[in-house]
Amino acid sequence: MGHSDFVKLLGQLAFLTKRQRAQMRSALAELPNTSTSAVASVLPGPNVCPHCQAPAAQLRPWGHSHGLARMRCHACGKTSNALTGTPLAHLRKRERWLRYGQALIEGVSVRQAA
């Protein structure tokens, strides 16, 4: 879908009935957060604590944050997720990661992809 088509679609959302809006919300709620879930599914879980290098047996589930499972190290008490210690760790705008990655594959500048 092109940008102009998407803008037209957004403009038409105001004309939906309440029932249609409810159907739209439920359909959108069922979709996964594609960027975060795609990255999390590719990255393996840590085999050591990224902070103190304790073995994976010391890592315990510690909830979720921003769509990623968090782990807490029993040895040092610090938390981490699948992105800790990677170049993606502090990047923002996760919803754009897949588009940016595709732009890099195609050799297009990230500015053009934005």
PDB file of N, CA and C in Angstrom:
ATOM      1  N   MET A   1       0.851  -1.171   0.000  1.00  0.00           N
ATOM      2  CA  MET A   1       0.000   0.000   0.000  1.00  0.00           C
ATOM      3  C   MET A   1       0.895   1.231   0.000  1.00  0.00           C
ATOM      4  N   GLY A   2       0.637   2.124  -0.894  1.00  0.00           N
ATOM      5  CA  GLY A   2       1.399   3.357  -0.993  1.00  0.00           C
ATOM      6  C   GLY A   2       1.009   4.357   0.079  1.00  0.00           C
ATOM      7  N   HIS A   3       1.843   5.359   0.257  1.00  0.00           N
ATOM      8  CA  HIS A   3       1.597   6.367   1.274  1.00  0.00           C
ATOM      9  C   HIS A   3       0.282   7.113   1.032  1.00  0.00           C
ATOM     10  N   SER A   4       0.022   7.494  -0.215  1.00  0.00           N
ATOM     11  CA  SER A   4      -1.205   8.246  -0.509  1.00  0.00           C
ATOM     12  C   SER A   4      -2.443   7.380  -0.261  1.00  0.00           C
ATOM     13  N   ASP A   5      -2.364   6.097  -0.607  1.00  0.00           N
ATOM     14  CA  ASP A   5      -3.493   5.193  -0.335  1.00  0.00           C
ATOM     15  C   ASP A   5      -3.743   5.071   1.160  1.00  0.00           C
ATOM     16  N   PHE A   6      -2.665   5.009   1.927  1.00  0.00           N
ATOM     17  CA  PHE A   6      -2.797   4.896   3.375  1.00  0.00           C
ATOM     18  C   PHE A   6      -3.416   6.157   3.966  1.00  0.00           C
ATOM     19  N   VAL A   7      -3.026   7.311   3.476  1.00  0.00           N
ATOM     20  CA  VAL A   7      -3.592   8.578   3.953  1.00  0.00           C
ATOM     21  C   VAL A   7      -5.087   8.623   3.646  1.00  0.00           C
ATOM     22  N   LYS A   8      -5.484   8.165   2.469  1.00  0.00           N
ATOM     23  CA  LYS A   8      -6.914   8.119   2.117  1.00  0.00           C
ATOM     24  C   LYS A   8      -7.668   7.185   3.070  1.00  0.00           C
ATOM     25  N   LEU A   9      -7.055   6.033   3.367  1.00  0.00           N
ATOM     26  CA  LEU A   9      -7.684   5.078   4.276  1.00  0.00           C
ATOM     27  C   LEU A   9      -7.861   5.700   5.654  1.00  0.00           C
ATOM     28  N   LEU A  10      -6.856   6.375   6.151  1.00  0.00           N
ATOM     29  CA  LEU A  10      -6.968   7.033   7.455  1.00  0.00           C
ATOM     30  C   LEU A  10      -8.070   8.086   7.453  1.00  0.00           C
ATOM     31  N   GLY A  11      -8.208   8.811   6.361  1.00  0.00           N
ATOM     32  CA  GLY A  11      -9.256   9.824   6.258  1.00  0.00           C
ATOM     33  C   GLY A  11     -10.653   9.230   6.301  1.00  0.00           C
ATOM     34  N   GLN A  12     -10.798   8.012   5.843  1.00  0.00           N
ATOM     35  CA  GLN A  12     -12.103   7.360   5.824  1.00  0.00           C
ATOM     36  C   GLN A  12     -12.470   6.733   7.162  1.00  0.00           C
ATOM     37  N   LEU A  13     -11.532   6.597   8.081  1.00  0.00           N
ATOM     38  CA  LEU A  13     -11.833   5.989   9.379  1.00  0.00           C
ATOM     39  C   LEU A  13     -12.855   6.798  10.169  1.00  0.00           C
ATOM     40  N   ALA A  14     -12.899   8.098   9.959  1.00  0.00           N
ATOM     41  CA  ALA A  14     -13.843   8.948  10.683  1.00  0.00           C
ATOM     42  C   ALA A  14     -15.292   8.630  10.315  1.00  0.00           C
ATOM     43  N   PHE A  15     -15.518   7.997   9.185  1.00  0.00           N
ATOM     44  CA  PHE A  15     -16.879   7.709   8.730  1.00  0.00           C
ATOM     45  C   PHE A  15     -17.371   6.318   9.141  1.00  0.00           C
ATOM     46  N   LEU A  16     -16.580   5.583   9.893  1.00  0.00           N
ATOM     47  CA  LEU A  16     -17.004   4.253  10.344  1.00  0.00           C
ATOM     48  C   LEU A  16     -18.057   4.363  11.435  1.00  0.00           C
ATOM     49  N   THR A  17     -18.949   3.399  11.481  1.00  0.00           N
ATOM     50  CA  THR A  17     -19.934   3.348  12.559  1.00  0.00           C
ATOM     51  C   THR A  17     -19.238   2.840  13.823  1.00  0.00           C
ATOM     52  N   LYS A  18     -19.941   2.930  14.957  1.00  0.00           N
ATOM     53  CA  LYS A  18     -19.358   2.450  16.213  1.00  0.00           C
ATOM     54  C   LYS A  18     -19.038   0.963  16.137  1.00  0.00           C
ATOM     55  N   ARG A  19     -19.918   0.216  15.522  1.00  0.00           N
ATOM     56  CA  ARG A  19     -19.710  -1.231  15.391  1.00  0.00           C
ATOM     57  C   ARG A  19     -18.484  -1.522  14.520  1.00  0.00           C
ATOM     58  N   GLN A  20     -18.355  -0.784  13.435  1.00  0.00           N
ATOM     59  CA  GLN A  20     -17.213  -0.977  12.553  1.00  0.00           C
ATOM     60  C   GLN A  20     -15.906  -0.584  13.248  1.00  0.00           C
ATOM     61  N   ARG A  21     -15.955   0.468  14.054  1.00  0.00           N
ATOM     62  CA  ARG A  21     -14.761   0.869  14.805  1.00  0.00           C
ATOM     63  C   ARG A  21     -14.360  -0.203  15.805  1.00  0.00           C
ATOM     64  N   ALA A  22     -15.359  -0.784  16.461  1.00  0.00           N
ATOM     65  CA  ALA A  22     -15.073  -1.860  17.420  1.00  0.00           C
ATOM     66  C   ALA A  22     -14.441  -3.059  16.709  1.00  0.00           C
ATOM     67  N   GLN A  23     -14.960  -3.392  15.530  1.00  0.00           N
ATOM     68  CA  GLN A  23     -14.378  -4.488  14.758  1.00  0.00           C
ATOM     69  C   GLN A  23     -12.946  -4.162  14.350  1.00  0.00           C
ATOM     70  N   MET A  24     -12.705  -2.918  13.965  1.00  0.00           N
ATOM     71  CA  MET A  24     -11.363  -2.493  13.575  1.00  0.00           C
ATOM     72  C   MET A  24     -10.409  -2.605  14.762  1.00  0.00           C
ATOM     73  N   ARG A  25     -10.842  -2.126  15.939  1.00  0.00           N
ATOM     74  CA  ARG A  25      -9.982  -2.198  17.125  1.00  0.00           C
ATOM     75  C   ARG A  25      -9.645  -3.640  17.476  1.00  0.00           C
ATOM     76  N   SER A  26     -10.639  -4.519  17.426  1.00  0.00           N
ATOM     77  CA  SER A  26     -10.366  -5.916  17.786  1.00  0.00           C
ATOM     78  C   SER A  26      -9.437  -6.575  16.768  1.00  0.00           C
ATOM     79  N   ALA A  27      -9.591  -6.243  15.499  1.00  0.00           N
ATOM     80  CA  ALA A  27      -8.702  -6.802  14.477  1.00  0.00           C
ATOM     81  C   ALA A  27      -7.274  -6.303  14.663  1.00  0.00           C
ATOM     82  N   LEU A  28      -7.115  -5.028  15.005  1.00  0.00           N
ATOM     83  CA  LEU A  28      -5.777  -4.475  15.214  1.00  0.00           C
ATOM     84  C   LEU A  28      -5.146  -4.993  16.498  1.00  0.00           C
ATOM     85  N   ALA A  29      -5.962  -5.227  17.519  1.00  0.00           N
ATOM     86  CA  ALA A  29      -5.438  -5.732  18.788  1.00  0.00           C
ATOM     87  C   ALA A  29      -4.884  -7.155  18.644  1.00  0.00           C
ATOM     88  N   GLU A  30      -5.410  -7.910  17.688  1.00  0.00           N
ATOM     89  CA  GLU A  30      -4.948  -9.283  17.484  1.00  0.00           C
ATOM     90  C   GLU A  30      -3.609  -9.353  16.763  1.00  0.00           C
ATOM     91  N   LEU A  31      -3.222  -8.272  16.098  1.00  0.00           N
ATOM     92  CA  LEU A  31      -1.949  -8.267  15.380  1.00  0.00           C
ATOM     93  C   LEU A  31      -0.796  -8.127  16.358  1.00  0.00           C
ATOM     94  N   PRO A  32       0.278  -8.860  16.153  1.00  0.00           N
ATOM     95  CA  PRO A  32       1.429  -8.706  17.046  1.00  0.00           C
ATOM     96  C   PRO A  32       2.171  -7.417  16.730  1.00  0.00           C
ATOM     97  N   ASN A  33       2.927  -6.956  17.697  1.00  0.00           N
ATOM     98  CA  ASN A  33       3.808  -5.820  17.468  1.00  0.00           C
ATOM     99  C   ASN A  33       4.940  -6.349  16.598  1.00  0.00           C
ATOM    100  N   THR A  34       4.834  -6.194  15.295  1.00  0.00           N
ATOM    101  CA  THR A  34       5.676  -6.919  14.355  1.00  0.00           C
ATOM    102  C   THR A  34       7.159  -6.658  14.532  1.00  0.00           C
ATOM    103  N   SER A  35       7.586  -5.443  14.710  1.00  0.00           N
ATOM    104  CA  SER A  35       9.017  -5.167  14.820  1.00  0.00           C
ATOM    105  C   SER A  35       9.610  -5.835  16.044  1.00  0.00           C
ATOM    106  N   THR A  36       9.000  -5.617  17.184  1.00  0.00           N
ATOM    107  CA  THR A  36       9.535  -6.173  18.419  1.00  0.00           C
ATOM    108  C   THR A  36       9.463  -7.686  18.418  1.00  0.00           C
ATOM    109  N   SER A  37       8.323  -8.247  18.016  1.00  0.00           N
ATOM    110  CA  SER A  37       8.196  -9.700  18.039  1.00  0.00           C
ATOM    111  C   SER A  37       9.110 -10.360  17.016  1.00  0.00           C
ATOM    112  N   ALA A  38       9.311  -9.711  15.870  1.00  0.00           N
ATOM    113  CA  ALA A  38      10.210 -10.278  14.861  1.00  0.00           C
ATOM    114  C   ALA A  38      11.645 -10.300  15.364  1.00  0.00           C
ATOM    115  N   VAL A  39      12.078  -9.226  15.976  1.00  0.00           N
ATOM    116  CA  VAL A  39      13.442  -9.171  16.500  1.00  0.00           C
ATOM    117  C   VAL A  39      13.601 -10.155  17.648  1.00  0.00           C
ATOM    118  N   ALA A  40      12.629 -10.212  18.549  1.00  0.00           N
ATOM    119  CA  ALA A  40      12.720 -11.121  19.689  1.00  0.00           C
ATOM    120  C   ALA A  40      12.730 -12.579  19.246  1.00  0.00           C
ATOM    121  N   SER A  41      12.024 -12.896  18.164  1.00  0.00           N
ATOM    122  CA  SER A  41      11.997 -14.286  17.706  1.00  0.00           C
ATOM    123  C   SER A  41      13.304 -14.698  17.051  1.00  0.00           C
ATOM    124  N   VAL A  42      14.059 -13.754  16.514  1.00  0.00           N
ATOM    125  CA  VAL A  42      15.329 -14.059  15.855  1.00  0.00           C
ATOM    126  C   VAL A  42      16.465 -14.152  16.863  1.00  0.00           C
ATOM    127  N   LEU A  43      16.466 -13.270  17.855  1.00  0.00           N
ATOM    128  CA  LEU A  43      17.550 -13.258  18.825  1.00  0.00           C
ATOM    129  C   LEU A  43      17.365 -14.379  19.843  1.00  0.00           C
ATOM    130  N   PRO A  44      18.400 -15.168  20.071  1.00  0.00           N
ATOM    131  CA  PRO A  44      18.277 -16.218  21.079  1.00  0.00           C
ATOM    132  C   PRO A  44      18.316 -15.609  22.473  1.00  0.00           C
ATOM    133  N   GLY A  45      17.828 -16.346  23.434  1.00  0.00           N
ATOM    134  CA  GLY A  45      17.919 -15.888  24.808  1.00  0.00           C
ATOM    135  C   GLY A  45      19.377 -15.894  25.248  1.00  0.00           C
ATOM    136  N   PRO A  46      19.712 -15.098  26.241  1.00  0.00           N
ATOM    137  CA  PRO A  46      21.107 -15.038  26.670  1.00  0.00           C
ATOM    138  C   PRO A  46      21.544 -16.343  27.324  1.00  0.00           C
ATOM    139  N   ASN A  47      22.797 -16.747  27.075  1.00  0.00           N
ATOM    140  CA  ASN A  47      23.317 -17.949  27.724  1.00  0.00           C
ATOM    141  C   ASN A  47      24.174 -17.597  28.932  1.00  0.00           C
ATOM    142  N   VAL A  48      24.431 -16.301  29.139  1.00  0.00           N
ATOM    143  CA  VAL A  48      25.090 -15.790  30.342  1.00  0.00           C
ATOM    144  C   VAL A  48      24.487 -14.427  30.651  1.00  0.00           C
ATOM    145  N   CYS A  49      24.658 -13.982  31.872  1.00  0.00           N
ATOM    146  CA  CYS A  49      24.213 -12.636  32.245  1.00  0.00           C
ATOM    147  C   CYS A  49      25.093 -11.629  31.511  1.00  0.00           C
ATOM    148  N   PRO A  50      24.506 -10.664  30.793  1.00  0.00           N
ATOM    149  CA  PRO A  50      25.324  -9.695  30.063  1.00  0.00           C
ATOM    150  C   PRO A  50      26.092  -8.740  30.987  1.00  0.00           C
ATOM    151  N   HIS A  51      25.745  -8.706  32.263  1.00  0.00           N
ATOM    152  CA  HIS A  51      26.389  -7.789  33.197  1.00  0.00           C
ATOM    153  C   HIS A  51      27.542  -8.439  33.964  1.00  0.00           C
ATOM    154  N   CYS A  52      27.297  -9.636  34.532  1.00  0.00           N
ATOM    155  CA  CYS A  52      28.314 -10.269  35.378  1.00  0.00           C
ATOM    156  C   CYS A  52      28.830 -11.596  34.821  1.00  0.00           C
ATOM    157  N   GLN A  53      28.320 -12.017  33.670  1.00  0.00           N
ATOM    158  CA  GLN A  53      28.725 -13.255  32.991  1.00  0.00           C
ATOM    159  C   GLN A  53      28.375 -14.518  33.780  1.00  0.00           C
ATOM    160  N   ALA A  54      27.393 -14.428  34.685  1.00  0.00           N
ATOM    161  CA  ALA A  54      26.924 -15.612  35.403  1.00  0.00           C
ATOM    162  C   ALA A  54      26.231 -16.545  34.406  1.00  0.00           C
ATOM    163  N   PRO A  55      26.241 -17.858  34.629  1.00  0.00           N
ATOM    164  CA  PRO A  55      25.607 -18.789  33.684  1.00  0.00           C
ATOM    165  C   PRO A  55      24.098 -18.573  33.588  1.00  0.00           C
ATOM    166  N   ALA A  56      23.515 -19.081  32.504  1.00  0.00           N
ATOM    167  CA  ALA A  56      22.088 -18.892  32.241  1.00  0.00           C
ATOM    168  C   ALA A  56      21.209 -19.447  33.361  1.00  0.00           C
ATOM    169  N   ALA A  57      21.708 -20.392  34.110  1.00  0.00           N
ATOM    170  CA  ALA A  57      20.925 -20.946  35.221  1.00  0.00           C
ATOM    171  C   ALA A  57      20.614 -19.883  36.270  1.00  0.00           C
ATOM    172  N   GLN A  58      21.378 -18.813  36.298  1.00  0.00           N
ATOM    173  CA  GLN A  58      21.153 -17.733  37.257  1.00  0.00           C
ATOM    174  C   GLN A  58      20.097 -16.730  36.785  1.00  0.00           C
ATOM    175  N   LEU A  59      19.688 -16.825  35.534  1.00  0.00           N
ATOM    176  CA  LEU A  59      18.703 -15.884  34.976  1.00  0.00           C
ATOM    177  C   LEU A  59      17.298 -16.383  35.236  1.00  0.00           C
ATOM    178  N   ARG A  60      16.457 -15.491  35.715  1.00  0.00           N
ATOM    179  CA  ARG A  60      15.059 -15.817  36.016  1.00  0.00           C
ATOM    180  C   ARG A  60      14.137 -14.869  35.248  1.00  0.00           C
ATOM    181  N   PRO A  61      12.963 -15.346  34.811  1.00  0.00           N
ATOM    182  CA  PRO A  61      11.995 -14.448  34.160  1.00  0.00           C
ATOM    183  C   PRO A  61      11.619 -13.307  35.109  1.00  0.00           C
ATOM    184  N   TRP A  62      11.520 -12.118  34.571  1.00  0.00           N
ATOM    185  CA  TRP A  62      11.241 -10.938  35.393  1.00  0.00           C
ATOM    186  C   TRP A  62      10.262 -10.017  34.676  1.00  0.00           C
ATOM    187  N   GLY A  63       9.211 -10.576  34.091  1.00  0.00           N
ATOM    188  CA  GLY A  63       8.172  -9.785  33.445  1.00  0.00           C
ATOM    189  C   GLY A  63       8.508  -9.425  32.012  1.00  0.00           C
ATOM    190  N   HIS A  64       7.799  -8.412  31.524  1.00  0.00           N
ATOM    191  CA  HIS A  64       7.988  -7.936  30.152  1.00  0.00           C
ATOM    192  C   HIS A  64       8.118  -6.416  30.160  1.00  0.00           C
ATOM    193  N   SER A  65       8.863  -5.904  29.208  1.00  0.00           N
ATOM    194  CA  SER A  65       8.999  -4.472  29.048  1.00  0.00           C
ATOM    195  C   SER A  65       9.100  -4.161  27.570  1.00  0.00           C
ATOM    196  N   HIS A  66       8.225  -3.307  27.081  1.00  0.00           N
ATOM    197  CA  HIS A  66       8.215  -2.887  25.676  1.00  0.00           C
ATOM    198  C   HIS A  66       8.138  -4.088  24.730  1.00  0.00           C
ATOM    199  N   GLY A  67       7.361  -5.094  25.108  1.00  0.00           N
ATOM    200  CA  GLY A  67       7.160  -6.247  24.236  1.00  0.00           C
ATOM    201  C   GLY A  67       8.245  -7.309  24.297  1.00  0.00           C
ATOM    202  N   LEU A  68       9.251  -7.121  25.125  1.00  0.00           N
ATOM    203  CA  LEU A  68      10.331  -8.091  25.242  1.00  0.00           C
ATOM    204  C   LEU A  68      10.354  -8.683  26.650  1.00  0.00           C
ATOM    205  N   ALA A  69      10.619  -9.977  26.730  1.00  0.00           N
ATOM    206  CA  ALA A  69      10.726 -10.625  28.030  1.00  0.00           C
ATOM    207  C   ALA A  69      11.979 -10.134  28.746  1.00  0.00           C
ATOM    208  N   ARG A  70      11.841  -9.833  30.027  1.00  0.00           N
ATOM    209  CA  ARG A  70      12.989  -9.407  30.833  1.00  0.00           C
ATOM    210  C   ARG A  70      13.466 -10.584  31.669  1.00  0.00           C
ATOM    211  N   MET A  71      14.756 -10.601  31.917  1.00  0.00           N
ATOM    212  CA  MET A  71      15.359 -11.617  32.770  1.00  0.00           C
ATOM    213  C   MET A  71      16.117 -10.890  33.885  1.00  0.00           C
ATOM    214  N   ARG A  72      16.100 -11.484  35.087  1.00  0.00           N
ATOM    215  CA  ARG A  72      16.852 -10.908  36.206  1.00  0.00           C
ATOM    216  C   ARG A  72      17.899 -11.915  36.646  1.00  0.00           C
ATOM    217  N   CYS A  73      19.098 -11.442  36.810  1.00  0.00           N
ATOM    218  CA  CYS A  73      20.200 -12.301  37.226  1.00  0.00           C
ATOM    219  C   CYS A  73      20.139 -12.467  38.741  1.00  0.00           C
ATOM    220  N   HIS A  74      20.133 -13.712  39.192  1.00  0.00           N
ATOM    221  CA  HIS A  74      20.078 -14.000  40.616  1.00  0.00           C
ATOM    222  C   HIS A  74      21.402 -13.632  41.288  1.00  0.00           C
ATOM    223  N   ALA A  75      22.483 -13.658  40.532  1.00  0.00           N
ATOM    224  CA  ALA A  75      23.805 -13.366  41.093  1.00  0.00           C
ATOM    225  C   ALA A  75      24.030 -11.874  41.317  1.00  0.00           C
ATOM    226  N   CYS A  76      23.745 -11.040  40.295  1.00  0.00           N
ATOM    227  CA  CYS A  76      24.031  -9.602  40.427  1.00  0.00           C
ATOM    228  C   CYS A  76      22.783  -8.747  40.625  1.00  0.00           C
ATOM    229  N   GLY A  77      21.611  -9.309  40.361  1.00  0.00           N
ATOM    230  CA  GLY A  77      20.368  -8.576  40.581  1.00  0.00           C
ATOM    231  C   GLY A  77      19.976  -7.621  39.466  1.00  0.00           C
ATOM    232  N   LYS A  78      20.751  -7.586  38.401  1.00  0.00           N
ATOM    233  CA  LYS A  78      20.439  -6.684  37.292  1.00  0.00           C
ATOM    234  C   LYS A  78      19.503  -7.365  36.299  1.00  0.00           C
ATOM    235  N   THR A  79      18.711  -6.550  35.579  1.00  0.00           N
ATOM    236  CA  THR A  79      17.793  -7.078  34.584  1.00  0.00           C
ATOM    237  C   THR A  79      18.339  -6.860  33.185  1.00  0.00           C
ATOM    238  N   SER A  80      17.860  -7.683  32.260  1.00  0.00           N
ATOM    239  CA  SER A  80      18.264  -7.569  30.861  1.00  0.00           C
ATOM    240  C   SER A  80      17.166  -8.150  30.000  1.00  0.00           C
ATOM    241  N   ASN A  81      17.291  -7.954  28.695  1.00  0.00           N
ATOM    242  CA  ASN A  81      16.380  -8.574  27.741  1.00  0.00           C
ATOM    243  C   ASN A  81      17.204  -9.065  26.557  1.00  0.00           C
ATOM    244  N   ALA A  82      16.549  -9.540  25.522  1.00  0.00           N
ATOM    245  CA  ALA A  82      17.266 -10.107  24.378  1.00  0.00           C
ATOM    246  C   ALA A  82      18.123  -9.070  23.662  1.00  0.00           C
ATOM    247  N   LEU A  83      17.826  -7.788  23.814  1.00  0.00           N
ATOM    248  CA  LEU A  83      18.581  -6.749  23.124  1.00  0.00           C
ATOM    249  C   LEU A  83      19.765  -6.220  23.924  1.00  0.00           C
ATOM    250  N   THR A  84      19.848  -6.539  25.207  1.00  0.00           N
ATOM    251  CA  THR A  84      20.922  -6.034  26.046  1.00  0.00           C
ATOM    252  C   THR A  84      22.273  -6.466  25.490  1.00  0.00           C
ATOM    253  N   GLY A  85      23.151  -5.502  25.335  1.00  0.00           N
ATOM    254  CA  GLY A  85      24.491  -5.785  24.836  1.00  0.00           C
ATOM    255  C   GLY A  85      24.588  -5.888  23.323  1.00  0.00           C
ATOM    256  N   THR A  86      23.509  -5.576  22.608  1.00  0.00           N
ATOM    257  CA  THR A  86      23.520  -5.612  21.151  1.00  0.00           C
ATOM    258  C   THR A  86      23.459  -4.185  20.611  1.00  0.00           C
ATOM    259  N   PRO A  87      23.755  -3.991  19.331  1.00  0.00           N
ATOM    260  CA  PRO A  87      23.642  -2.646  18.764  1.00  0.00           C
ATOM    261  C   PRO A  87      22.216  -2.098  18.783  1.00  0.00           C
ATOM    262  N   LEU A  88      21.217  -2.956  18.943  1.00  0.00           N
ATOM    263  CA  LEU A  88      19.820  -2.513  18.963  1.00  0.00           C
ATOM    264  C   LEU A  88      19.351  -2.085  20.350  1.00  0.00           C
ATOM    265  N   ALA A  89      20.204  -2.224  21.355  1.00  0.00           N
ATOM    266  CA  ALA A  89      19.789  -2.054  22.749  1.00  0.00           C
ATOM    267  C   ALA A  89      19.109  -0.726  23.039  1.00  0.00           C
ATOM    268  N   HIS A  90      19.628   0.368  22.569  1.00  0.00           N
ATOM    269  CA  HIS A  90      19.066   1.672  22.935  1.00  0.00           C
ATOM    270  C   HIS A  90      18.418   2.398  21.765  1.00  0.00           C
ATOM    271  N   LEU A  91      18.150   1.685  20.693  1.00  0.00           N
ATOM    272  CA  LEU A  91      17.481   2.319  19.561  1.00  0.00           C
ATOM    273  C   LEU A  91      16.014   2.545  19.881  1.00  0.00           C
ATOM    274  N   ARG A  92      15.462   3.574  19.331  1.00  0.00           N
ATOM    275  CA  ARG A  92      14.053   3.898  19.529  1.00  0.00           C
ATOM    276  C   ARG A  92      13.282   3.593  18.242  1.00  0.00           C
ATOM    277  N   LYS A  93      12.014   3.879  18.245  1.00  0.00           N
ATOM    278  CA  LYS A  93      11.134   3.723  17.084  1.00  0.00           C
ATOM    279  C   LYS A  93      11.181   2.297  16.529  1.00  0.00           C
ATOM    280  N   ARG A  94      10.919   1.337  17.397  1.00  0.00           N
ATOM    281  CA  ARG A  94      10.968  -0.069  17.003  1.00  0.00           C
ATOM    282  C   ARG A  94      10.014  -0.403  15.870  1.00  0.00           C
ATOM    283  N   GLU A  95       8.939   0.355  15.758  1.00  0.00           N
ATOM    284  CA  GLU A  95       7.974   0.086  14.690  1.00  0.00           C
ATOM    285  C   GLU A  95       8.576   0.326  13.312  1.00  0.00           C
ATOM    286  N   ARG A  96       9.711   0.989  13.239  1.00  0.00           N
ATOM    287  CA  ARG A  96      10.341   1.278  11.948  1.00  0.00           C
ATOM    288  C   ARG A  96      11.539   0.381  11.648  1.00  0.00           C
ATOM    289  N   TRP A  97      11.930  -0.484  12.565  1.00  0.00           N
ATOM    290  CA  TRP A  97      13.127  -1.300  12.379  1.00  0.00           C
ATOM    291  C   TRP A  97      13.073  -2.159  11.130  1.00  0.00           C
ATOM    292  N   LEU A  98      11.954  -2.806  10.891  1.00  0.00           N
ATOM    293  CA  LEU A  98      11.855  -3.695   9.728  1.00  0.00           C
ATOM    294  C   LEU A  98      11.992  -2.918   8.431  1.00  0.00           C
ATOM    295  N   ARG A  99      11.377  -1.743   8.364  1.00  0.00           N
ATOM    296  CA  ARG A  99      11.506  -0.904   7.165  1.00  0.00           C
ATOM    297  C   ARG A  99      12.943  -0.450   6.969  1.00  0.00           C
ATOM    298  N   TYR A 100      13.597  -0.064   8.057  1.00  0.00           N
ATOM    299  CA  TYR A 100      14.988   0.370   7.966  1.00  0.00           C
ATOM    300  C   TYR A 100      15.878  -0.781   7.522  1.00  0.00           C
ATOM    301  N   GLY A 101      15.654  -1.962   8.080  1.00  0.00           N
ATOM    302  CA  GLY A 101      16.432  -3.135   7.684  1.00  0.00           C
ATOM    303  C   GLY A 101      16.250  -3.454   6.218  1.00  0.00           C
ATOM    304  N   GLN A 102      15.029  -3.372   5.745  1.00  0.00           N
ATOM    305  CA  GLN A 102      14.759  -3.629   4.328  1.00  0.00           C
ATOM    306  C   GLN A 102      15.445  -2.579   3.456  1.00  0.00           C
ATOM    307  N   ALA A 103      15.465  -1.336   3.904  1.00  0.00           N
ATOM    308  CA  ALA A 103      16.141  -0.276   3.149  1.00  0.00           C
ATOM    309  C   ALA A 103      17.637  -0.557   3.063  1.00  0.00           C
ATOM    310  N   LEU A 104      18.226  -1.044   4.145  1.00  0.00           N
ATOM    311  CA  LEU A 104      19.651  -1.378   4.127  1.00  0.00           C
ATOM    312  C   LEU A 104      19.931  -2.531   3.167  1.00  0.00           C
ATOM    313  N   ILE A 105      19.055  -3.519   3.140  1.00  0.00           N
ATOM    314  CA  ILE A 105      19.213  -4.655   2.226  1.00  0.00           C
ATOM    315  C   ILE A 105      19.142  -4.179   0.783  1.00  0.00           C
ATOM    316  N   GLU A 106      18.209  -3.274   0.493  1.00  0.00           N
ATOM    317  CA  GLU A 106      18.012  -2.777  -0.853  1.00  0.00           C
ATOM    318  C   GLU A 106      19.028  -1.713  -1.258  1.00  0.00           C
ATOM    319  N   GLY A 107      19.846  -1.245  -0.307  1.00  0.00           N
ATOM    320  CA  GLY A 107      20.845  -0.233  -0.608  1.00  0.00           C
ATOM    321  C   GLY A 107      20.292   1.175  -0.659  1.00  0.00           C
ATOM    322  N   VAL A 108      19.101   1.370  -0.122  1.00  0.00           N
ATOM    323  CA  VAL A 108      18.466   2.693  -0.067  1.00  0.00           C
ATOM    324  C   VAL A 108      18.890   3.331   1.254  1.00  0.00           C
ATOM    325  N   SER A 109      19.059   4.633   1.266  1.00  0.00           N
ATOM    326  CA  SER A 109      19.438   5.297   2.512  1.00  0.00           C
ATOM    327  C   SER A 109      18.267   5.220   3.498  1.00  0.00           C
ATOM    328  N   VAL A 110      18.613   5.221   4.771  1.00  0.00           N
ATOM    329  CA  VAL A 110      17.594   5.167   5.811  1.00  0.00           C
ATOM    330  C   VAL A 110      16.725   6.417   5.756  1.00  0.00           C
ATOM    331  N   ARG A 111      17.300   7.538   5.399  1.00  0.00           N
ATOM    332  CA  ARG A 111      16.534   8.793   5.294  1.00  0.00           C
ATOM    333  C   ARG A 111      15.447   8.642   4.227  1.00  0.00           C
ATOM    334  N   GLN A 112      15.758   8.012   3.107  1.00  0.00           N
ATOM    335  CA  GLN A 112      14.759   7.804   2.045  1.00  0.00           C
ATOM    336  C   GLN A 112      13.690   6.825   2.513  1.00  0.00           C
ATOM    337  N   ALA A 113      14.075   5.831   3.302  1.00  0.00           N
ATOM    338  CA  ALA A 113      13.112   4.839   3.778  1.00  0.00           C
ATOM    339  C   ALA A 113      12.151   5.432   4.792  1.00  0.00           C
ATOM    340  N   ALA A 114      12.590   6.459   5.525  1.00  0.00           N
ATOM    341  CA  ALA A 114      11.739   7.070   6.529  1.00  0.00           C
ATOM    342  C   ALA A 114      10.598   7.773   5.843  1.00  0.00           C
TER     343      ALA A 114
END
